[in-house]
């Protein structure tokens, strides 16, 4: 049985850990709100861009309007943009999204390459010997569109150069503080009219009648600008959703760790009280035994 001093040191250590996890929980809760606010701030632009793109793509000859809208008959290579986090202490967040990606693409009959966003996902995919053509890590705590646009440009270049015939986006969709769901959507060729992804939900939520547009300078020039930007915008939304999911998962994990530390400290306190009581009892027995010995010696 541990001594009272050893138990007391363990109690102090557990309480210090509880203070750290409680602070991390509060920080994550604040970052979740900021990440969701960033998602809401991009919705007006995303909604209008989707409406214009849908209107243009509804014109005859959609397949020849833009290379990023053209479906390729023979798929010989697939590119996956995998969004994870840079840090741990988020429970099963990274493991869940990596496992989901492997379940979706390990059975593909064509080569699958990856662009990883986040250090944790990069390490796990490299450990499984997956082909990683690029990795993006150490993004700012509150990334802007400019910080993430390079990921979308790289995916577009890989598709236009013919190195990849399909591009998929794998990320964690933020549902609420407790539930975050691994999700996948087809990034390229852009599937206009398919109800997948957050941006389509924005357009559906608008519930407005179709608008008439006069394009200046013209549809081709607008498509050359809006389609790559819209692709990068989807990546940006996925990064923001994944950030919110990561902070929510970390908040829950830190709350569970704090509760466990508090419970452990209470159990150790009880053990300390028992050890201290046992020590006092032993000391009283020693005193009583010494007094009895002195009495007999007289």
C-alpha atoms as a PDB file:
ATOM      1  CA  UNK A   1       0.000   0.000   0.000  1.00  0.00           C
ATOM      2  CA  UNK A   2       1.275   3.470  -0.972  1.00  0.00           C
ATOM      3  CA  UNK A   3       2.225   5.842   1.782  1.00  0.00           C
ATOM      4  CA  UNK A   4       0.214   8.956   2.525  1.00  0.00           C
ATOM      5  CA  UNK A   5       2.915  11.178   1.024  1.00  0.00           C
ATOM      6  CA  UNK A   6       3.014   9.206  -2.226  1.00  0.00           C
ATOM      7  CA  UNK A   7      -0.770   9.409  -2.562  1.00  0.00           C
ATOM      8  CA  UNK A   8      -0.679  13.131  -1.820  1.00  0.00           C
ATOM      9  CA  UNK A   9       1.854  13.685  -4.618  1.00  0.00           C
ATOM     10  CA  UNK A  10      -0.365  11.744  -7.035  1.00  0.00           C
ATOM     11  CA  UNK A  11      -3.371  13.853  -6.043  1.00  0.00           C
ATOM     12  CA  UNK A  12      -1.429  17.029  -6.715  1.00  0.00           C
ATOM     13  CA  UNK A  13      -0.304  15.729 -10.119  1.00  0.00           C
ATOM     14  CA  UNK A  14      -3.822  14.682 -11.146  1.00  0.00           C
ATOM     15  CA  UNK A  15      -5.281  18.042 -10.104  1.00  0.00           C
ATOM     16  CA  UNK A  16      -2.639  19.878 -12.149  1.00  0.00           C
ATOM     17  CA  UNK A  17      -3.577  17.789 -15.187  1.00  0.00           C
ATOM     18  CA  UNK A  18      -7.245  18.595 -14.603  1.00  0.00           C
ATOM     19  CA  UNK A  19      -6.444  22.318 -14.631  1.00  0.00           C
ATOM     20  CA  UNK A  20      -4.655  21.970 -17.986  1.00  0.00           C
ATOM     21  CA  UNK A  21      -7.454  19.955 -19.599  1.00  0.00           C
ATOM     22  CA  UNK A  22     -10.073  22.384 -18.274  1.00  0.00           C
ATOM     23  CA  UNK A  23      -8.159  25.278 -19.869  1.00  0.00           C
ATOM     24  CA  UNK A  24      -7.872  23.400 -23.184  1.00  0.00           C
ATOM     25  CA  UNK A  25     -11.601  22.713 -23.066  1.00  0.00           C
ATOM     26  CA  UNK A  26     -12.368  26.423 -22.681  1.00  0.00           C
ATOM     27  CA  UNK A  27      -9.991  27.370 -25.524  1.00  0.00           C
ATOM     28  CA  UNK A  28     -11.527  24.785 -27.858  1.00  0.00           C
ATOM     29  CA  UNK A  29     -15.048  25.990 -27.074  1.00  0.00           C
ATOM     30  CA  UNK A  30     -14.037  29.520 -28.055  1.00  0.00           C
ATOM     31  CA  UNK A  31     -12.372  28.350 -31.277  1.00  0.00           C
ATOM     32  CA  UNK A  32     -15.432  26.331 -32.312  1.00  0.00           C
ATOM     33  CA  UNK A  33     -17.564  29.475 -32.242  1.00  0.00           C
ATOM     34  CA  UNK A  34     -15.003  31.411 -34.285  1.00  0.00           C
ATOM     35  CA  UNK A  35     -14.729  28.650 -36.884  1.00  0.00           C
ATOM     36  CA  UNK A  36     -18.500  28.439 -37.320  1.00  0.00           C
ATOM     37  CA  UNK A  37     -18.716  32.208 -37.596  1.00  0.00           C
ATOM     38  CA  UNK A  38     -16.139  32.062 -40.406  1.00  0.00           C
ATOM     39  CA  UNK A  39     -18.328  29.514 -42.218  1.00  0.00           C
ATOM     40  CA  UNK A  40     -21.362  31.778 -41.869  1.00  0.00           C
ATOM     41  CA  UNK A  41     -19.395  34.775 -43.168  1.00  0.00           C
ATOM     42  CA  UNK A  42     -18.610  32.982 -46.448  1.00  0.00           C
ATOM     43  CA  UNK A  43     -22.158  31.820 -47.135  1.00  0.00           C
ATOM     44  CA  UNK A  44     -23.420  34.916 -49.056  1.00  0.00           C
ATOM     45  CA  UNK A  45     -20.581  34.696 -51.576  1.00  0.00           C
ATOM     46  CA  UNK A  46     -20.866  30.910 -51.822  1.00  0.00           C
ATOM     47  CA  UNK A  47     -24.617  31.076 -52.404  1.00  0.00           C
ATOM     48  CA  UNK A  48     -24.402  33.677 -55.161  1.00  0.00           C
ATOM     49  CA  UNK A  49     -21.455  31.946 -56.853  1.00  0.00           C
ATOM     50  CA  UNK A  50     -23.388  28.669 -56.889  1.00  0.00           C
ATOM     51  CA  UNK A  51     -26.480  30.351 -58.365  1.00  0.00           C
ATOM     52  CA  UNK A  52     -24.475  31.924 -61.196  1.00  0.00           C
ATOM     53  CA  UNK A  53     -22.586  28.707 -61.873  1.00  0.00           C
ATOM     54  CA  UNK A  54     -25.793  26.649 -61.931  1.00  0.00           C
ATOM     55  CA  UNK A  55     -27.412  29.096 -64.336  1.00  0.00           C
ATOM     56  CA  UNK A  56     -24.469  28.960 -66.738  1.00  0.00           C
ATOM     57  CA  UNK A  57     -24.113  25.194 -66.529  1.00  0.00           C
ATOM     58  CA  UNK A  58     -27.804  24.758 -67.380  1.00  0.00           C
ATOM     59  CA  UNK A  59     -27.115  26.146 -70.842  1.00  0.00           C
ATOM     60  CA  UNK A  60     -26.891  23.695 -73.790  1.00  0.00           C
ATOM     61  CA  UNK A  61     -23.525  22.022 -74.282  1.00  0.00           C
ATOM     62  CA  UNK A  62     -22.593  22.038 -70.625  1.00  0.00           C
ATOM     63  CA  UNK A  63     -19.870  19.395 -71.103  1.00  0.00           C
ATOM     64  CA  UNK A  64     -17.896  21.701 -73.391  1.00  0.00           C
ATOM     65  CA  UNK A  65     -18.420  24.883 -71.386  1.00  0.00           C
ATOM     66  CA  UNK A  66     -15.344  24.402 -69.222  1.00  0.00           C
ATOM     67  CA  UNK A  67     -12.733  21.635 -68.761  1.00  0.00           C
ATOM     68  CA  UNK A  68     -13.522  21.421 -65.042  1.00  0.00           C
ATOM     69  CA  UNK A  69     -17.134  20.497 -65.877  1.00  0.00           C
ATOM     70  CA  UNK A  70     -16.220  17.729 -68.336  1.00  0.00           C
ATOM     71  CA  UNK A  71     -16.719  14.126 -67.262  1.00  0.00           C
ATOM     72  CA  UNK A  72     -13.925  11.821 -68.459  1.00  0.00           C
ATOM     73  CA  UNK A  73     -14.916   8.450 -69.833  1.00  0.00           C
ATOM     74  CA  UNK A  74     -11.840   6.545 -68.645  1.00  0.00           C
ATOM     75  CA  UNK A  75     -10.772   7.162 -65.056  1.00  0.00           C
ATOM     76  CA  UNK A  76      -7.127   6.175 -64.734  1.00  0.00           C
ATOM     77  CA  UNK A  77      -6.100   8.081 -61.611  1.00  0.00           C
ATOM     78  CA  UNK A  78      -7.865   9.569 -58.580  1.00  0.00           C
ATOM     79  CA  UNK A  79      -6.711  12.392 -56.325  1.00  0.00           C
ATOM     80  CA  UNK A  80      -8.005  12.769 -52.762  1.00  0.00           C
ATOM     81  CA  UNK A  81      -7.745  15.967 -50.708  1.00  0.00           C
ATOM     82  CA  UNK A  82      -7.726  14.711 -47.102  1.00  0.00           C
ATOM     83  CA  UNK A  83      -8.371  17.340 -44.407  1.00  0.00           C
ATOM     84  CA  UNK A  84      -7.219  16.534 -40.871  1.00  0.00           C
ATOM     85  CA  UNK A  85      -5.621  18.468 -38.005  1.00  0.00           C
ATOM     86  CA  UNK A  86      -2.126  19.489 -36.968  1.00  0.00           C
ATOM     87  CA  UNK A  87      -2.428  18.647 -33.267  1.00  0.00           C
ATOM     88  CA  UNK A  88      -3.575  15.789 -31.118  1.00  0.00           C
ATOM     89  CA  UNK A  89      -5.607  15.666 -27.892  1.00  0.00           C
ATOM     90  CA  UNK A  90      -8.776  15.552 -29.996  1.00  0.00           C
ATOM     91  CA  UNK A  91      -9.935  12.039 -29.212  1.00  0.00           C
ATOM     92  CA  UNK A  92     -10.621   9.834 -32.256  1.00  0.00           C
ATOM     93  CA  UNK A  93     -11.024  12.807 -34.635  1.00  0.00           C
ATOM     94  CA  UNK A  94      -7.995  12.110 -36.856  1.00  0.00           C
ATOM     95  CA  UNK A  95      -8.288   8.330 -36.664  1.00  0.00           C
ATOM     96  CA  UNK A  96     -11.938   8.433 -37.761  1.00  0.00           C
ATOM     97  CA  UNK A  97     -11.374  10.561 -40.858  1.00  0.00           C
ATOM     98  CA  UNK A  98      -8.282   8.609 -41.943  1.00  0.00           C
ATOM     99  CA  UNK A  99     -10.093   5.287 -41.456  1.00  0.00           C
ATOM    100  CA  UNK A 100     -13.028   6.646 -43.479  1.00  0.00           C
ATOM    101  CA  UNK A 101     -10.728   7.693 -46.342  1.00  0.00           C
ATOM    102  CA  UNK A 102      -9.016   4.301 -46.412  1.00  0.00           C
ATOM    103  CA  UNK A 103     -12.367   2.496 -46.444  1.00  0.00           C
ATOM    104  CA  UNK A 104     -13.506   4.572 -49.402  1.00  0.00           C
ATOM    105  CA  UNK A 105     -10.393   4.390 -51.559  1.00  0.00           C
ATOM    106  CA  UNK A 106      -8.377   1.297 -50.611  1.00  0.00           C
ATOM    107  CA  UNK A 107     -10.560  -0.860 -52.867  1.00  0.00           C
ATOM    108  CA  UNK A 108     -10.202   1.380 -55.927  1.00  0.00           C
ATOM    109  CA  UNK A 109      -8.936  -0.361 -59.063  1.00  0.00           C
ATOM    110  CA  UNK A 110      -7.017   2.727 -60.206  1.00  0.00           C
ATOM    111  CA  UNK A 111      -4.099   4.450 -58.440  1.00  0.00           C
ATOM    112  CA  UNK A 112      -5.137   6.852 -55.680  1.00  0.00           C
ATOM    113  CA  UNK A 113      -2.925   9.763 -54.648  1.00  0.00           C
ATOM    114  CA  UNK A 114      -3.391  12.132 -51.750  1.00  0.00           C
ATOM    115  CA  UNK A 115      -3.040  15.792 -50.855  1.00  0.00           C
ATOM    116  CA  UNK A 116      -3.005  15.946 -47.065  1.00  0.00           C
ATOM    117  CA  UNK A 117      -4.049  19.004 -45.096  1.00  0.00           C
ATOM    118  CA  UNK A 118      -2.839  18.642 -41.531  1.00  0.00           C
ATOM    119  CA  UNK A 119       0.231  17.070 -39.975  1.00  0.00           C
ATOM    120  CA  UNK A 120      -1.607  14.247 -38.203  1.00  0.00           C
ATOM    121  CA  UNK A 121      -3.248  12.973 -41.367  1.00  0.00           C
ATOM    122  CA  UNK A 122       0.019  13.223 -43.282  1.00  0.00           C
ATOM    123  CA  UNK A 123       1.841  11.116 -40.693  1.00  0.00           C
ATOM    124  CA  UNK A 124      -0.851   8.424 -40.622  1.00  0.00           C
ATOM    125  CA  UNK A 125      -1.054   8.172 -44.421  1.00  0.00           C
ATOM    126  CA  UNK A 126       2.735   8.080 -44.757  1.00  0.00           C
ATOM    127  CA  UNK A 127       2.871   5.324 -42.155  1.00  0.00           C
ATOM    128  CA  UNK A 128       0.493   3.317 -44.357  1.00  0.00           C
ATOM    129  CA  UNK A 129       2.738   3.966 -47.387  1.00  0.00           C
ATOM    130  CA  UNK A 130       0.165   5.951 -49.362  1.00  0.00           C
ATOM    131  CA  UNK A 131       1.326   8.184 -52.203  1.00  0.00           C
ATOM    132  CA  UNK A 132       1.268  11.790 -51.028  1.00  0.00           C
ATOM    133  CA  UNK A 133       1.969  14.364 -53.738  1.00  0.00           C
ATOM    134  CA  UNK A 134       1.684  17.418 -51.453  1.00  0.00           C
ATOM    135  CA  UNK A 135       1.042  18.274 -47.835  1.00  0.00           C
ATOM    136  CA  UNK A 136      -0.182  21.443 -46.178  1.00  0.00           C
ATOM    137  CA  UNK A 137       0.281  21.905 -42.450  1.00  0.00           C
ATOM    138  CA  UNK A 138       0.638  24.628 -39.836  1.00  0.00           C
ATOM    139  CA  UNK A 139      -2.285  26.623 -41.197  1.00  0.00           C
ATOM    140  CA  UNK A 140      -3.236  29.719 -39.166  1.00  0.00           C
ATOM    141  CA  UNK A 141      -5.636  29.259 -36.278  1.00  0.00           C
ATOM    142  CA  UNK A 142      -8.234  31.235 -38.265  1.00  0.00           C
ATOM    143  CA  UNK A 143      -7.291  30.575 -41.920  1.00  0.00           C
ATOM    144  CA  UNK A 144      -8.420  32.974 -44.607  1.00  0.00           C
ATOM    145  CA  UNK A 145      -9.386  32.047 -48.156  1.00  0.00           C
ATOM    146  CA  UNK A 146      -5.931  33.099 -49.333  1.00  0.00           C
ATOM    147  CA  UNK A 147      -4.295  30.671 -46.900  1.00  0.00           C
ATOM    148  CA  UNK A 148      -6.219  27.742 -48.368  1.00  0.00           C
ATOM    149  CA  UNK A 149      -6.548  28.723 -52.037  1.00  0.00           C
ATOM    150  CA  UNK A 150      -3.239  27.055 -52.945  1.00  0.00           C
ATOM    151  CA  UNK A 151      -4.792  23.661 -52.117  1.00  0.00           C
ATOM    152  CA  UNK A 152      -7.625  24.255 -54.580  1.00  0.00           C
ATOM    153  CA  UNK A 153      -5.237  25.531 -57.262  1.00  0.00           C
ATOM    154  CA  UNK A 154      -3.106  22.412 -56.938  1.00  0.00           C
ATOM    155  CA  UNK A 155      -6.153  20.149 -57.277  1.00  0.00           C
ATOM    156  CA  UNK A 156      -7.306  22.086 -60.357  1.00  0.00           C
ATOM    157  CA  UNK A 157      -3.847  21.893 -61.949  1.00  0.00           C
ATOM    158  CA  UNK A 158      -3.646  18.141 -61.350  1.00  0.00           C
ATOM    159  CA  UNK A 159      -7.023  17.686 -63.037  1.00  0.00           C
ATOM    160  CA  UNK A 160      -6.325  19.983 -65.991  1.00  0.00           C
ATOM    161  CA  UNK A 161      -2.889  18.440 -66.620  1.00  0.00           C
ATOM    162  CA  UNK A 162      -4.467  15.004 -66.863  1.00  0.00           C
ATOM    163  CA  UNK A 163      -2.600  13.613 -63.856  1.00  0.00           C
ATOM    164  CA  UNK A 164      -5.935  12.911 -62.141  1.00  0.00           C
ATOM    165  CA  UNK A 165      -9.287  12.169 -63.765  1.00  0.00           C
ATOM    166  CA  UNK A 166     -11.330  12.609 -60.591  1.00  0.00           C
ATOM    167  CA  UNK A 167     -10.691  14.659 -57.462  1.00  0.00           C
ATOM    168  CA  UNK A 168     -12.439  13.958 -54.168  1.00  0.00           C
ATOM    169  CA  UNK A 169     -12.588  15.947 -50.955  1.00  0.00           C
ATOM    170  CA  UNK A 170     -12.614  14.053 -47.644  1.00  0.00           C
ATOM    171  CA  UNK A 171     -13.238  16.070 -44.487  1.00  0.00           C
ATOM    172  CA  UNK A 172     -15.198  16.052 -41.223  1.00  0.00           C
ATOM    173  CA  UNK A 173     -18.618  17.663 -41.378  1.00  0.00           C
ATOM    174  CA  UNK A 174     -19.546  19.617 -38.249  1.00  0.00           C
ATOM    175  CA  UNK A 175     -23.083  18.720 -37.159  1.00  0.00           C
ATOM    176  CA  UNK A 176     -23.048  19.919 -33.562  1.00  0.00           C
ATOM    177  CA  UNK A 177     -20.751  20.007 -30.561  1.00  0.00           C
ATOM    178  CA  UNK A 178     -21.131  16.290 -29.951  1.00  0.00           C
ATOM    179  CA  UNK A 179     -21.505  14.877 -33.467  1.00  0.00           C
ATOM    180  CA  UNK A 180     -18.955  15.253 -36.274  1.00  0.00           C
ATOM    181  CA  UNK A 181     -19.339  13.028 -39.338  1.00  0.00           C
ATOM    182  CA  UNK A 182     -16.599  12.032 -41.846  1.00  0.00           C
ATOM    183  CA  UNK A 183     -17.796  13.117 -45.293  1.00  0.00           C
ATOM    184  CA  UNK A 184     -16.741  12.812 -48.913  1.00  0.00           C
ATOM    185  CA  UNK A 185     -17.714  14.839 -51.949  1.00  0.00           C
ATOM    186  CA  UNK A 186     -16.606  14.905 -55.546  1.00  0.00           C
ATOM    187  CA  UNK A 187     -14.585  18.040 -56.166  1.00  0.00           C
ATOM    188  CA  UNK A 188     -13.704  17.657 -59.857  1.00  0.00           C
ATOM    189  CA  UNK A 189     -15.206  17.423 -62.375  1.00  0.00           C
ATOM    190  CA  UNK A 190     -17.642  19.788 -60.730  1.00  0.00           C
ATOM    191  CA  UNK A 191     -21.092  18.209 -60.569  1.00  0.00           C
ATOM    192  CA  UNK A 192     -23.538  21.079 -60.880  1.00  0.00           C
ATOM    193  CA  UNK A 193     -27.031  20.112 -59.738  1.00  0.00           C
ATOM    194  CA  UNK A 194     -25.931  17.231 -57.505  1.00  0.00           C
ATOM    195  CA  UNK A 195     -27.075  17.977 -53.973  1.00  0.00           C
ATOM    196  CA  UNK A 196     -23.862  17.283 -52.103  1.00  0.00           C
ATOM    197  CA  UNK A 197     -21.697  19.573 -50.076  1.00  0.00           C
ATOM    198  CA  UNK A 198     -22.332  22.522 -47.840  1.00  0.00           C
ATOM    199  CA  UNK A 199     -22.516  25.103 -50.636  1.00  0.00           C
ATOM    200  CA  UNK A 200     -25.466  23.405 -52.314  1.00  0.00           C
ATOM    201  CA  UNK A 201     -27.239  23.448 -48.971  1.00  0.00           C
ATOM    202  CA  UNK A 202     -26.708  27.217 -48.856  1.00  0.00           C
ATOM    203  CA  UNK A 203     -28.375  27.574 -52.251  1.00  0.00           C
ATOM    204  CA  UNK A 204     -31.268  25.353 -51.226  1.00  0.00           C
ATOM    205  CA  UNK A 205     -31.719  27.381 -48.048  1.00  0.00           C
ATOM    206  CA  UNK A 206     -32.063  30.587 -50.057  1.00  0.00           C
ATOM    207  CA  UNK A 207     -35.398  29.413 -51.572  1.00  0.00           C
ATOM    208  CA  UNK A 208     -35.401  32.147 -54.199  1.00  0.00           C
ATOM    209  CA  UNK A 209     -36.843  31.975 -57.727  1.00  0.00           C
ATOM    210  CA  UNK A 210     -34.330  31.617 -60.596  1.00  0.00           C
ATOM    211  CA  UNK A 211     -32.735  34.916 -61.505  1.00  0.00           C
ATOM    212  CA  UNK A 212     -31.903  36.249 -64.974  1.00  0.00           C
ATOM    213  CA  UNK A 213     -28.300  37.261 -65.550  1.00  0.00           C
ATOM    214  CA  UNK A 214     -26.587  39.448 -68.108  1.00  0.00           C
ATOM    215  CA  UNK A 215     -22.982  38.292 -68.296  1.00  0.00           C
ATOM    216  CA  UNK A 216     -20.234  40.817 -68.847  1.00  0.00           C
ATOM    217  CA  UNK A 217     -17.797  40.269 -70.537  1.00  0.00           C
ATOM    218  CA  UNK A 218     -19.226  36.785 -71.325  1.00  0.00           C
ATOM    219  CA  UNK A 219     -19.995  33.287 -70.074  1.00  0.00           C
ATOM    220  CA  UNK A 220     -16.626  31.823 -71.044  1.00  0.00           C
ATOM    221  CA  UNK A 221     -14.638  34.501 -69.232  1.00  0.00           C
ATOM    222  CA  UNK A 222     -16.838  34.209 -66.140  1.00  0.00           C
ATOM    223  CA  UNK A 223     -16.514  30.423 -66.103  1.00  0.00           C
ATOM    224  CA  UNK A 224     -12.731  30.683 -66.330  1.00  0.00           C
ATOM    225  CA  UNK A 225     -12.821  32.725 -63.128  1.00  0.00           C
ATOM    226  CA  UNK A 226     -15.709  31.304 -61.145  1.00  0.00           C
ATOM    227  CA  UNK A 227     -15.167  27.546 -61.572  1.00  0.00           C
ATOM    228  CA  UNK A 228     -11.581  27.420 -60.170  1.00  0.00           C
ATOM    229  CA  UNK A 229     -12.572  29.873 -57.430  1.00  0.00           C
ATOM    230  CA  UNK A 230     -15.611  27.818 -56.567  1.00  0.00           C
ATOM    231  CA  UNK A 231     -13.459  24.700 -56.352  1.00  0.00           C
ATOM    232  CA  UNK A 232     -11.097  26.472 -53.970  1.00  0.00           C
ATOM    233  CA  UNK A 233     -14.112  27.752 -52.038  1.00  0.00           C
ATOM    234  CA  UNK A 234     -15.309  24.185 -51.445  1.00  0.00           C
ATOM    235  CA  UNK A 235     -11.868  23.287 -50.086  1.00  0.00           C
ATOM    236  CA  UNK A 236     -12.000  26.369 -47.858  1.00  0.00           C
ATOM    237  CA  UNK A 237     -15.396  25.359 -46.484  1.00  0.00           C
ATOM    238  CA  UNK A 238     -14.122  21.831 -45.846  1.00  0.00           C
ATOM    239  CA  UNK A 239     -11.150  23.212 -43.918  1.00  0.00           C
ATOM    240  CA  UNK A 240     -13.417  25.427 -41.798  1.00  0.00           C
ATOM    241  CA  UNK A 241     -15.822  22.551 -41.135  1.00  0.00           C
ATOM    242  CA  UNK A 242     -12.908  20.305 -40.177  1.00  0.00           C
ATOM    243  CA  UNK A 243     -11.464  22.978 -37.894  1.00  0.00           C
ATOM    244  CA  UNK A 244     -14.787  23.339 -36.110  1.00  0.00           C
ATOM    245  CA  UNK A 245     -15.050  19.547 -35.838  1.00  0.00           C
ATOM    246  CA  UNK A 246     -11.508  19.270 -34.490  1.00  0.00           C
ATOM    247  CA  UNK A 247     -12.099  21.909 -31.815  1.00  0.00           C
ATOM    248  CA  UNK A 248     -15.413  20.312 -30.851  1.00  0.00           C
ATOM    249  CA  UNK A 249     -13.794  16.876 -30.616  1.00  0.00           C
ATOM    250  CA  UNK A 250     -10.956  18.321 -28.537  1.00  0.00           C
ATOM    251  CA  UNK A 251     -13.428  20.118 -26.270  1.00  0.00           C
ATOM    252  CA  UNK A 252     -15.316  16.863 -25.640  1.00  0.00           C
ATOM    253  CA  UNK A 253     -12.082  14.919 -25.140  1.00  0.00           C
ATOM    254  CA  UNK A 254     -10.756  17.497 -22.682  1.00  0.00           C
ATOM    255  CA  UNK A 255     -14.069  17.551 -20.813  1.00  0.00           C
ATOM    256  CA  UNK A 256     -13.924  13.766 -20.476  1.00  0.00           C
ATOM    257  CA  UNK A 257     -10.301  14.003 -19.347  1.00  0.00           C
ATOM    258  CA  UNK A 258     -11.210  16.664 -16.771  1.00  0.00           C
ATOM    259  CA  UNK A 259     -14.087  14.564 -15.430  1.00  0.00           C
ATOM    260  CA  UNK A 260     -11.851  11.488 -15.248  1.00  0.00           C
ATOM    261  CA  UNK A 261      -9.115  13.444 -13.464  1.00  0.00           C
ATOM    262  CA  UNK A 262     -11.624  14.850 -10.982  1.00  0.00           C
ATOM    263  CA  UNK A 263     -12.987  11.380 -10.297  1.00  0.00           C
ATOM    264  CA  UNK A 264      -9.485   9.954  -9.943  1.00  0.00           C
ATOM    265  CA  UNK A 265      -8.493  12.736  -7.575  1.00  0.00           C
ATOM    266  CA  UNK A 266     -11.558  11.990  -5.421  1.00  0.00           C
ATOM    267  CA  UNK A 267     -10.617   8.309  -5.295  1.00  0.00           C
ATOM    268  CA  UNK A 268      -7.022   9.155  -4.419  1.00  0.00           C
ATOM    269  CA  UNK A 269      -8.226  11.541  -1.722  1.00  0.00           C
ATOM    270  CA  UNK A 270     -10.186   8.688  -0.161  1.00  0.00           C
ATOM    271  CA  UNK A 271      -7.129   6.467  -0.395  1.00  0.00           C
ATOM    272  CA  UNK A 272      -5.017   9.235   1.196  1.00  0.00           C
ATOM    273  CA  UNK A 273      -7.510   9.566   4.057  1.00  0.00           C
ATOM    274  CA  UNK A 274      -7.375   5.819   4.649  1.00  0.00           C
ATOM    275  CA  UNK A 275      -3.574   5.796   4.569  1.00  0.00           C
ATOM    276  CA  UNK A 276      -3.421   8.769   6.930  1.00  0.00           C
ATOM    277  CA  UNK A 277      -5.960   7.158   9.267  1.00  0.00           C
ATOM    278  CA  UNK A 278      -3.992   3.923   9.203  1.00  0.00           C
ATOM    279  CA  UNK A 279      -0.810   5.823  10.038  1.00  0.00           C
ATOM    280  CA  UNK A 280      -2.478   7.579  12.961  1.00  0.00           C
ATOM    281  CA  UNK A 281      -3.870   4.269  14.205  1.00  0.00           C
ATOM    282  CA  UNK A 282      -0.440   2.659  14.033  1.00  0.00           C
ATOM    283  CA  UNK A 283       1.097   5.566  15.936  1.00  0.00           C
ATOM    284  CA  UNK A 284      -1.575   5.318  18.656  1.00  0.00           C
ATOM    285  CA  UNK A 285      -0.991   1.570  18.924  1.00  0.00           C
ATOM    286  CA  UNK A 286       2.756   2.170  19.253  1.00  0.00           C
ATOM    287  CA  UNK A 287       2.163   4.745  22.008  1.00  0.00           C
ATOM    288  CA  UNK A 288      -0.272   2.448  23.800  1.00  0.00           C
ATOM    289  CA  UNK A 289       2.142  -0.469  23.494  1.00  0.00           C
ATOM    290  CA  UNK A 290       5.037   1.622  24.830  1.00  0.00           C
ATOM    291  CA  UNK A 291       2.966   2.860  27.739  1.00  0.00           C
ATOM    292  CA  UNK A 292       1.920  -0.684  28.618  1.00  0.00           C
ATOM    293  CA  UNK A 293       5.515  -1.830  28.439  1.00  0.00           C
ATOM    294  CA  UNK A 294       6.589   0.947  30.829  1.00  0.00           C
ATOM    295  CA  UNK A 295       3.781   0.021  33.217  1.00  0.00           C
ATOM    296  CA  UNK A 296       4.845  -3.636  33.278  1.00  0.00           C
ATOM    297  CA  UNK A 297       8.465  -2.651  33.825  1.00  0.00           C
ATOM    298  CA  UNK A 298       7.587  -0.944  37.050  1.00  0.00           C
END
